[in-house]
Amino acid sequence: GEIPNTKRLKKTVGEIQFELLNGHDYKYTQEDL
């Protein structure tokens, strides 16, 4: 499991999803995420 990190100015979908999910188990449904 790699931490997405593209170093772009604007975060990618992968980076955003990782930040939302990492350390936040069972906080989101697929719709919410």
PDB file of all heavy atoms in Angstrom:
ATOM      1  N   GLY A   1       0.840  -1.204   0.000  1.00  0.00           N
ATOM      2  CA  GLY A   1       0.000   0.000   0.000  1.00  0.00           C
ATOM      3  C   GLY A   1       0.868   1.244   0.000  1.00  0.00           C
ATOM      4  O   GLY A   1       1.612   1.486   0.946  1.00  0.00           O
ATOM      5  N   GLU A   2       0.818   1.985  -1.087  1.00  0.00           N
ATOM      6  CA  GLU A   2       1.638   3.189  -1.243  1.00  0.00           C
ATOM      7  C   GLU A   2       0.796   4.437  -0.984  1.00  0.00           C
ATOM      8  O   GLU A   2      -0.378   4.486  -1.358  1.00  0.00           O
ATOM      9  CB  GLU A   2       2.178   3.290  -2.671  1.00  0.00           C
ATOM     10  CG  GLU A   2       3.028   2.141  -3.110  1.00  0.00           C
ATOM     11  CD  GLU A   2       3.376   2.220  -4.592  1.00  0.00           C
ATOM     12  OE1 GLU A   2       3.310   3.319  -5.193  1.00  0.00           O
ATOM     13  OE2 GLU A   2       3.700   1.170  -5.154  1.00  0.00           O
ATOM     14  N   ILE A   3       1.401   5.429  -0.387  1.00  0.00           N
ATOM     15  CA  ILE A   3       0.719   6.711  -0.183  1.00  0.00           C
ATOM     16  C   ILE A   3       0.804   7.488  -1.490  1.00  0.00           C
ATOM     17  O   ILE A   3       1.903   7.776  -1.969  1.00  0.00           O
ATOM     18  CB  ILE A   3       1.368   7.517   0.960  1.00  0.00           C
ATOM     19  CG1 ILE A   3       1.248   6.742   2.268  1.00  0.00           C
ATOM     20  CG2 ILE A   3       0.733   8.897   1.080  1.00  0.00           C
ATOM     21  CD1 ILE A   3       2.019   7.334   3.420  1.00  0.00           C
ATOM     22  N   PRO A   4      -0.339   7.810  -2.094  1.00  0.00           N
ATOM     23  CA  PRO A   4      -0.303   8.585  -3.339  1.00  0.00           C
ATOM     24  C   PRO A   4       0.335   9.960  -3.091  1.00  0.00           C
ATOM     25  O   PRO A   4      -0.051  10.664  -2.167  1.00  0.00           O
ATOM     26  CB  PRO A   4      -1.780   8.749  -3.713  1.00  0.00           C
ATOM     27  CG  PRO A   4      -2.493   7.695  -2.951  1.00  0.00           C
ATOM     28  CD  PRO A   4      -1.693   7.470  -1.705  1.00  0.00           C
ATOM     29  N   ASN A   5       1.303  10.301  -3.895  1.00  0.00           N
ATOM     30  CA  ASN A   5       1.969  11.587  -3.745  1.00  0.00           C
ATOM     31  C   ASN A   5       2.556  11.989  -5.086  1.00  0.00           C
ATOM     32  O   ASN A   5       3.660  11.586  -5.427  1.00  0.00           O
ATOM     33  CB  ASN A   5       3.064  11.515  -2.676  1.00  0.00           C
ATOM     34  CG  ASN A   5       3.653  12.876  -2.379  1.00  0.00           C
ATOM     35  OD1 ASN A   5       3.261  13.885  -2.964  1.00  0.00           O
ATOM     36  ND2 ASN A   5       4.600  12.912  -1.473  1.00  0.00           N
ATOM     37  N   THR A   6       1.810  12.786  -5.835  1.00  0.00           N
ATOM     38  CA  THR A   6       2.263  13.178  -7.172  1.00  0.00           C
ATOM     39  C   THR A   6       3.055  14.477  -7.157  1.00  0.00           C
ATOM     40  O   THR A   6       3.644  14.833  -8.153  1.00  0.00           O
ATOM     41  CB  THR A   6       1.062  13.353  -8.120  1.00  0.00           C
ATOM     42  OG1 THR A   6       0.208  14.376  -7.599  1.00  0.00           O
ATOM     43  CG2 THR A   6       0.296  12.055  -8.272  1.00  0.00           C
ATOM     44  N   LYS A   7       3.027  15.183  -6.041  1.00  0.00           N
ATOM     45  CA  LYS A   7       3.725  16.466  -5.903  1.00  0.00           C
ATOM     46  C   LYS A   7       3.182  17.528  -6.863  1.00  0.00           C
ATOM     47  O   LYS A   7       3.853  18.498  -7.177  1.00  0.00           O
ATOM     48  CB  LYS A   7       5.222  16.290  -6.059  1.00  0.00           C
ATOM     49  CG  LYS A   7       5.852  15.396  -4.997  1.00  0.00           C
ATOM     50  CD  LYS A   7       7.346  15.386  -5.125  1.00  0.00           C
ATOM     51  CE  LYS A   7       8.109  14.576  -4.165  1.00  0.00           C
ATOM     52  NZ  LYS A   7       7.646  13.674  -3.261  1.00  0.00           N
ATOM     53  N   ARG A   8       1.970  17.310  -7.340  1.00  0.00           N
ATOM     54  CA  ARG A   8       1.328  18.328  -8.186  1.00  0.00           C
ATOM     55  C   ARG A   8       0.734  19.414  -7.301  1.00  0.00           C
ATOM     56  O   ARG A   8       0.449  19.185  -6.128  1.00  0.00           O
ATOM     57  CB  ARG A   8       0.202  17.706  -9.006  1.00  0.00           C
ATOM     58  CG  ARG A   8       0.670  16.717 -10.019  1.00  0.00           C
ATOM     59  CD  ARG A   8      -0.501  16.169 -10.782  1.00  0.00           C
ATOM     60  NE  ARG A   8      -0.072  15.074 -11.643  1.00  0.00           N
ATOM     61  CZ  ARG A   8      -0.892  14.292 -12.278  1.00  0.00           C
ATOM     62  NH1 ARG A   8      -2.203  14.445 -12.154  1.00  0.00           N
ATOM     63  NH2 ARG A   8      -0.439  13.324 -13.046  1.00  0.00           N
ATOM     64  N   LEU A   9       0.502  20.568  -7.883  1.00  0.00           N
ATOM     65  CA  LEU A   9      -0.117  21.663  -7.149  1.00  0.00           C
ATOM     66  C   LEU A   9      -1.535  21.284  -6.729  1.00  0.00           C
ATOM     67  O   LEU A   9      -1.920  21.476  -5.576  1.00  0.00           O
ATOM     68  CB  LEU A   9      -0.155  22.908  -8.048  1.00  0.00           C
ATOM     69  CG  LEU A   9       0.287  24.226  -7.428  1.00  0.00           C
ATOM     70  CD1 LEU A   9       1.515  24.095  -6.575  1.00  0.00           C
ATOM     71  CD2 LEU A   9       0.426  25.281  -8.483  1.00  0.00           C
ATOM     72  N   LYS A  10      -2.286  20.743  -7.670  1.00  0.00           N
ATOM     73  CA  LYS A  10      -3.657  20.310  -7.380  1.00  0.00           C
ATOM     74  C   LYS A  10      -3.633  18.822  -7.057  1.00  0.00           C
ATOM     75  O   LYS A  10      -3.057  18.026  -7.807  1.00  0.00           O
ATOM     76  CB  LYS A  10      -4.542  20.566  -8.605  1.00  0.00           C
ATOM     77  CG  LYS A  10      -5.986  20.209  -8.402  1.00  0.00           C
ATOM     78  CD  LYS A  10      -6.808  20.488  -9.652  1.00  0.00           C
ATOM     79  CE  LYS A  10      -8.230  20.038  -9.436  1.00  0.00           C
ATOM     80  NZ  LYS A  10      -9.036  20.187 -10.636  1.00  0.00           N
ATOM     81  N   LYS A  11      -4.260  18.442  -5.943  1.00  0.00           N
ATOM     82  CA  LYS A  11      -4.275  17.036  -5.539  1.00  0.00           C
ATOM     83  C   LYS A  11      -5.064  16.192  -6.535  1.00  0.00           C
ATOM     84  O   LYS A  11      -6.073  16.622  -7.073  1.00  0.00           O
ATOM     85  CB  LYS A  11      -4.885  16.887  -4.150  1.00  0.00           C
ATOM     86  CG  LYS A  11      -3.999  17.436  -3.067  1.00  0.00           C
ATOM     87  CD  LYS A  11      -4.610  17.232  -1.711  1.00  0.00           C
ATOM     88  CE  LYS A  11      -3.697  17.848  -0.672  1.00  0.00           C
ATOM     89  NZ  LYS A  11      -4.260  17.744   0.657  1.00  0.00           N
ATOM     90  N   THR A  12      -4.582  14.970  -6.733  1.00  0.00           N
ATOM     91  CA  THR A  12      -5.265  14.028  -7.614  1.00  0.00           C
ATOM     92  C   THR A  12      -6.408  13.355  -6.856  1.00  0.00           C
ATOM     93  O   THR A  12      -6.485  13.419  -5.625  1.00  0.00           O
ATOM     94  CB  THR A  12      -4.299  12.943  -8.112  1.00  0.00           C
ATOM     95  OG1 THR A  12      -3.881  12.161  -6.983  1.00  0.00           O
ATOM     96  CG2 THR A  12      -3.094  13.534  -8.829  1.00  0.00           C
ATOM     97  N   VAL A  13      -7.274  12.665  -7.594  1.00  0.00           N
ATOM     98  CA  VAL A  13      -8.365  11.911  -6.988  1.00  0.00           C
ATOM     99  C   VAL A  13      -7.810  10.878  -6.008  1.00  0.00           C
ATOM    100  O   VAL A  13      -8.317  10.723  -4.895  1.00  0.00           O
ATOM    101  CB  VAL A  13      -9.239  11.243  -8.079  1.00  0.00           C
ATOM    102  CG1 VAL A  13     -10.177  10.212  -7.476  1.00  0.00           C
ATOM    103  CG2 VAL A  13     -10.020  12.301  -8.849  1.00  0.00           C
ATOM    104  N   GLY A  14      -6.743  10.186  -6.394  1.00  0.00           N
ATOM    105  CA  GLY A  14      -6.129   9.199  -5.516  1.00  0.00           C
ATOM    106  C   GLY A  14      -5.624   9.807  -4.211  1.00  0.00           C
ATOM    107  O   GLY A  14      -5.803   9.235  -3.133  1.00  0.00           O
ATOM    108  N   GLU A  15      -4.981  10.943  -4.306  1.00  0.00           N
ATOM    109  CA  GLU A  15      -4.473  11.619  -3.106  1.00  0.00           C
ATOM    110  C   GLU A  15      -5.624  12.044  -2.189  1.00  0.00           C
ATOM    111  O   GLU A  15      -5.550  11.862  -0.973  1.00  0.00           O
ATOM    112  CB  GLU A  15      -3.636  12.837  -3.500  1.00  0.00           C
ATOM    113  CG  GLU A  15      -2.308  12.476  -4.110  1.00  0.00           C
ATOM    114  CD  GLU A  15      -1.580  13.663  -4.710  1.00  0.00           C
ATOM    115  OE1 GLU A  15      -2.216  14.493  -5.397  1.00  0.00           O
ATOM    116  OE2 GLU A  15      -0.364  13.748  -4.500  1.00  0.00           O
ATOM    117  N   ILE A  16      -6.665  12.589  -2.774  1.00  0.00           N
ATOM    118  CA  ILE A  16      -7.819  13.028  -1.981  1.00  0.00           C
ATOM    119  C   ILE A  16      -8.491  11.840  -1.308  1.00  0.00           C
ATOM    120  O   ILE A  16      -8.775  11.875  -0.101  1.00  0.00           O
ATOM    121  CB  ILE A  16      -8.823  13.805  -2.861  1.00  0.00           C
ATOM    122  CG1 ILE A  16      -8.218  15.129  -3.318  1.00  0.00           C
ATOM    123  CG2 ILE A  16     -10.137  14.039  -2.105  1.00  0.00           C
ATOM    124  CD1 ILE A  16      -8.997  15.829  -4.421  1.00  0.00           C
ATOM    125  N   GLN A  17      -8.734  10.781  -2.058  1.00  0.00           N
ATOM    126  CA  GLN A  17      -9.381   9.611  -1.476  1.00  0.00           C
ATOM    127  C   GLN A  17      -8.535   9.006  -0.365  1.00  0.00           C
ATOM    128  O   GLN A  17      -9.061   8.614   0.682  1.00  0.00           O
ATOM    129  CB  GLN A  17      -9.688   8.567  -2.553  1.00  0.00           C
ATOM    130  CG  GLN A  17     -10.812   8.987  -3.462  1.00  0.00           C
ATOM    131  CD  GLN A  17     -11.077   8.021  -4.585  1.00  0.00           C
ATOM    132  OE1 GLN A  17     -10.260   7.167  -4.918  1.00  0.00           O
ATOM    133  NE2 GLN A  17     -12.245   8.153  -5.200  1.00  0.00           N
ATOM    134  N   PHE A  18      -7.232   8.936  -0.559  1.00  0.00           N
ATOM    135  CA  PHE A  18      -6.361   8.401   0.482  1.00  0.00           C
ATOM    136  C   PHE A  18      -6.456   9.250   1.745  1.00  0.00           C
ATOM    137  O   PHE A  18      -6.585   8.722   2.855  1.00  0.00           O
ATOM    138  CB  PHE A  18      -4.906   8.322   0.001  1.00  0.00           C
ATOM    139  CG  PHE A  18      -3.994   7.759   1.045  1.00  0.00           C
ATOM    140  CD1 PHE A  18      -3.899   6.385   1.223  1.00  0.00           C
ATOM    141  CD2 PHE A  18      -3.258   8.589   1.872  1.00  0.00           C
ATOM    142  CE1 PHE A  18      -3.076   5.851   2.207  1.00  0.00           C
ATOM    143  CE2 PHE A  18      -2.436   8.075   2.859  1.00  0.00           C
ATOM    144  CZ  PHE A  18      -2.347   6.699   3.026  1.00  0.00           C
ATOM    145  N   GLU A  19      -6.387  10.562   1.596  1.00  0.00           N
ATOM    146  CA  GLU A  19      -6.466  11.456   2.757  1.00  0.00           C
ATOM    147  C   GLU A  19      -7.795  11.316   3.486  1.00  0.00           C
ATOM    148  O   GLU A  19      -7.838  11.366   4.717  1.00  0.00           O
ATOM    149  CB  GLU A  19      -6.236  12.904   2.330  1.00  0.00           C
ATOM    150  CG  GLU A  19      -4.792  13.187   1.968  1.00  0.00           C
ATOM    151  CD  GLU A  19      -4.563  14.593   1.456  1.00  0.00           C
ATOM    152  OE1 GLU A  19      -5.515  15.415   1.449  1.00  0.00           O
ATOM    153  OE2 GLU A  19      -3.414  14.887   1.054  1.00  0.00           O
ATOM    154  N   LEU A  20      -8.878  11.142   2.744  1.00  0.00           N
ATOM    155  CA  LEU A  20     -10.189  10.986   3.371  1.00  0.00           C
ATOM    156  C   LEU A  20     -10.302   9.653   4.122  1.00  0.00           C
ATOM    157  O   LEU A  20     -10.919   9.588   5.183  1.00  0.00           O
ATOM    158  CB  LEU A  20     -11.303  11.092   2.321  1.00  0.00           C
ATOM    159  CG  LEU A  20     -11.534  12.473   1.716  1.00  0.00           C
ATOM    160  CD1 LEU A  20     -12.497  12.385   0.538  1.00  0.00           C
ATOM    161  CD2 LEU A  20     -12.065  13.444   2.767  1.00  0.00           C
ATOM    162  N   LEU A  21      -9.717   8.600   3.573  1.00  0.00           N
ATOM    163  CA  LEU A  21      -9.873   7.265   4.154  1.00  0.00           C
ATOM    164  C   LEU A  21      -8.817   6.895   5.193  1.00  0.00           C
ATOM    165  O   LEU A  21      -9.118   6.181   6.155  1.00  0.00           O
ATOM    166  CB  LEU A  21      -9.860   6.205   3.047  1.00  0.00           C
ATOM    167  CG  LEU A  21     -11.065   6.202   2.122  1.00  0.00           C
ATOM    168  CD1 LEU A  21     -10.865   5.219   0.984  1.00  0.00           C
ATOM    169  CD2 LEU A  21     -12.329   5.885   2.901  1.00  0.00           C
ATOM    170  N   ASN A  22      -7.592   7.319   4.999  1.00  0.00           N
ATOM    171  CA  ASN A  22      -6.507   6.908   5.883  1.00  0.00           C
ATOM    172  C   ASN A  22      -6.748   7.405   7.310  1.00  0.00           C
ATOM    173  O   ASN A  22      -6.825   8.596   7.557  1.00  0.00           O
ATOM    174  CB  ASN A  22      -5.166   7.427   5.364  1.00  0.00           C
ATOM    175  CG  ASN A  22      -4.004   6.867   6.134  1.00  0.00           C
ATOM    176  OD1 ASN A  22      -3.988   5.698   6.489  1.00  0.00           O
ATOM    177  ND2 ASN A  22      -3.021   7.712   6.390  1.00  0.00           N
ATOM    178  N   GLY A  23      -6.873   6.460   8.229  1.00  0.00           N
ATOM    179  CA  GLY A  23      -7.113   6.817   9.626  1.00  0.00           C
ATOM    180  C   GLY A  23      -8.562   7.123   9.946  1.00  0.00           C
ATOM    181  O   GLY A  23      -8.869   7.555  11.056  1.00  0.00           O
ATOM    182  N   HIS A  24      -9.435   6.948   8.975  1.00  0.00           N
ATOM    183  CA  HIS A  24     -10.860   7.238   9.177  1.00  0.00           C
ATOM    184  C   HIS A  24     -11.695   6.024   8.796  1.00  0.00           C
ATOM    185  O   HIS A  24     -12.606   6.107   7.957  1.00  0.00           O
ATOM    186  CB  HIS A  24     -11.288   8.455   8.348  1.00  0.00           C
ATOM    187  CG  HIS A  24     -10.480   9.682   8.647  1.00  0.00           C
ATOM    188  ND1 HIS A  24     -10.652  10.425   9.779  1.00  0.00           N
ATOM    189  CD2 HIS A  24      -9.470  10.265   7.973  1.00  0.00           C
ATOM    190  CE1 HIS A  24      -9.789  11.428   9.795  1.00  0.00           C
ATOM    191  NE2 HIS A  24      -9.055  11.344   8.693  1.00  0.00           N
ATOM    192  N   ASP A  25     -11.378   4.888   9.404  1.00  0.00           N
ATOM    193  CA  ASP A  25     -12.090   3.644   9.111  1.00  0.00           C
ATOM    194  C   ASP A  25     -13.589   3.795   9.363  1.00  0.00           C
ATOM    195  O   ASP A  25     -13.999   4.315  10.405  1.00  0.00           O
ATOM    196  CB  ASP A  25     -11.559   2.508   9.986  1.00  0.00           C
ATOM    197  CG  ASP A  25     -10.091   2.200   9.717  1.00  0.00           C
ATOM    198  OD1 ASP A  25      -9.549   2.702   8.716  1.00  0.00           O
ATOM    199  OD2 ASP A  25      -9.511   1.452  10.515  1.00  0.00           O
ATOM    200  N   TYR A  26     -14.348   3.346   8.416  1.00  0.00           N
ATOM    201  CA  TYR A  26     -15.813   3.271   8.506  1.00  0.00           C
ATOM    202  C   TYR A  26     -16.485   4.637   8.714  1.00  0.00           C
ATOM    203  O   TYR A  26     -17.556   4.719   9.289  1.00  0.00           O
ATOM    204  CB  TYR A  26     -16.233   2.284   9.602  1.00  0.00           C
ATOM    205  CG  TYR A  26     -15.553   0.951   9.471  1.00  0.00           C
ATOM    206  CD1 TYR A  26     -14.660   0.503  10.434  1.00  0.00           C
ATOM    207  CD2 TYR A  26     -15.772   0.147   8.356  1.00  0.00           C
ATOM    208  CE1 TYR A  26     -14.008  -0.721  10.303  1.00  0.00           C
ATOM    209  CE2 TYR A  26     -15.130  -1.078   8.216  1.00  0.00           C
ATOM    210  CZ  TYR A  26     -14.250  -1.494   9.189  1.00  0.00           C
ATOM    211  OH  TYR A  26     -13.614  -2.691   9.059  1.00  0.00           O
ATOM    212  N   LYS A  27     -15.868   5.679   8.208  1.00  0.00           N
ATOM    213  CA  LYS A  27     -16.472   7.019   8.288  1.00  0.00           C
ATOM    214  C   LYS A  27     -17.341   7.302   7.062  1.00  0.00           C
ATOM    215  O   LYS A  27     -18.338   8.001   7.155  1.00  0.00           O
ATOM    216  CB  LYS A  27     -15.377   8.083   8.395  1.00  0.00           C
ATOM    217  CG  LYS A  27     -15.928   9.493   8.460  1.00  0.00           C
ATOM    218  CD  LYS A  27     -14.839  10.529   8.637  1.00  0.00           C
ATOM    219  CE  LYS A  27     -15.435  11.929   8.675  1.00  0.00           C
ATOM    220  NZ  LYS A  27     -14.412  12.960   8.819  1.00  0.00           N
ATOM    221  N   TYR A  28     -16.944   6.748   5.907  1.00  0.00           N
ATOM    222  CA  TYR A  28     -17.609   7.060   4.642  1.00  0.00           C
ATOM    223  C   TYR A  28     -18.240   5.837   4.002  1.00  0.00           C
ATOM    224  O   TYR A  28     -17.682   4.753   4.042  1.00  0.00           O
ATOM    225  CB  TYR A  28     -16.600   7.628   3.635  1.00  0.00           C
ATOM    226  CG  TYR A  28     -15.971   8.923   4.054  1.00  0.00           C
ATOM    227  CD1 TYR A  28     -14.698   8.956   4.626  1.00  0.00           C
ATOM    228  CD2 TYR A  28     -16.640  10.121   3.877  1.00  0.00           C
ATOM    229  CE1 TYR A  28     -14.121  10.148   5.011  1.00  0.00           C
ATOM    230  CE2 TYR A  28     -16.066  11.323   4.260  1.00  0.00           C
ATOM    231  CZ  TYR A  28     -14.809  11.336   4.828  1.00  0.00           C
ATOM    232  OH  TYR A  28     -14.234  12.522   5.211  1.00  0.00           O
ATOM    233  N   THR A  29     -19.379   6.072   3.357  1.00  0.00           N
ATOM    234  CA  THR A  29     -19.915   5.088   2.414  1.00  0.00           C
ATOM    235  C   THR A  29     -19.298   5.423   1.069  1.00  0.00           C
ATOM    236  O   THR A  29     -18.648   6.467   0.912  1.00  0.00           O
ATOM    237  CB  THR A  29     -21.453   5.182   2.307  1.00  0.00           C
ATOM    238  OG1 THR A  29     -21.789   6.471   1.774  1.00  0.00           O
ATOM    239  CG2 THR A  29     -22.138   4.960   3.650  1.00  0.00           C
ATOM    240  N   GLN A  30     -19.503   4.573   0.083  1.00  0.00           N
ATOM    241  CA  GLN A  30     -18.984   4.878  -1.244  1.00  0.00           C
ATOM    242  C   GLN A  30     -19.572   6.191  -1.759  1.00  0.00           C
ATOM    243  O   GLN A  30     -18.857   7.042  -2.287  1.00  0.00           O
ATOM    244  CB  GLN A  30     -19.282   3.749  -2.230  1.00  0.00           C
ATOM    245  CG  GLN A  30     -18.814   4.094  -3.632  1.00  0.00           C
ATOM    246  CD  GLN A  30     -18.979   2.988  -4.626  1.00  0.00           C
ATOM    247  OE1 GLN A  30     -17.989   2.460  -5.081  1.00  0.00           O
ATOM    248  NE2 GLN A  30     -20.196   2.628  -4.968  1.00  0.00           N
ATOM    249  N   GLU A  31     -20.880   6.386  -1.600  1.00  0.00           N
ATOM    250  CA  GLU A  31     -21.521   7.634  -2.041  1.00  0.00           C
ATOM    251  C   GLU A  31     -20.867   8.837  -1.385  1.00  0.00           C
ATOM    252  O   GLU A  31     -20.552   9.821  -2.055  1.00  0.00           O
ATOM    253  CB  GLU A  31     -23.013   7.632  -1.666  1.00  0.00           C
ATOM    254  CG  GLU A  31     -23.909   7.030  -2.678  1.00  0.00           C
ATOM    255  CD  GLU A  31     -25.380   7.112  -2.265  1.00  0.00           C
ATOM    256  OE1 GLU A  31     -25.737   7.811  -1.290  1.00  0.00           O
ATOM    257  OE2 GLU A  31     -26.183   6.467  -2.948  1.00  0.00           O
ATOM    258  N   ASP A  32     -20.695   8.775  -0.053  1.00  0.00           N
ATOM    259  CA  ASP A  32     -20.095   9.890   0.687  1.00  0.00           C
ATOM    260  C   ASP A  32     -18.683  10.171   0.188  1.00  0.00           C
ATOM    261  O   ASP A  32     -18.304  11.325  -0.025  1.00  0.00           O
ATOM    262  CB  ASP A  32     -20.012   9.577   2.182  1.00  0.00           C
ATOM    263  CG  ASP A  32     -21.360   9.399   2.849  1.00  0.00           C
ATOM    264  OD1 ASP A  32     -22.366   9.906   2.323  1.00  0.00           O
ATOM    265  OD2 ASP A  32     -21.394   8.731   3.910  1.00  0.00           O
ATOM    266  N   LEU A  33     -17.912   9.111   0.019  1.00  0.00           N
ATOM    267  CA  LEU A  33     -16.522   9.255  -0.405  1.00  0.00           C
ATOM    268  C   LEU A  33     -16.422   9.854  -1.807  1.00  0.00           C
ATOM    269  O   LEU A  33     -15.638  10.773  -2.048  1.00  0.00           O
ATOM    270  CB  LEU A  33     -15.803   7.912  -0.357  1.00  0.00           C
ATOM    271  CG  LEU A  33     -14.333   7.939  -0.759  1.00  0.00           C
ATOM    272  CD1 LEU A  33     -13.525   8.807   0.198  1.00  0.00           C
ATOM    273  CD2 LEU A  33     -13.778   6.532  -0.801  1.00  0.00           C
TER     274      LEU A  33
END
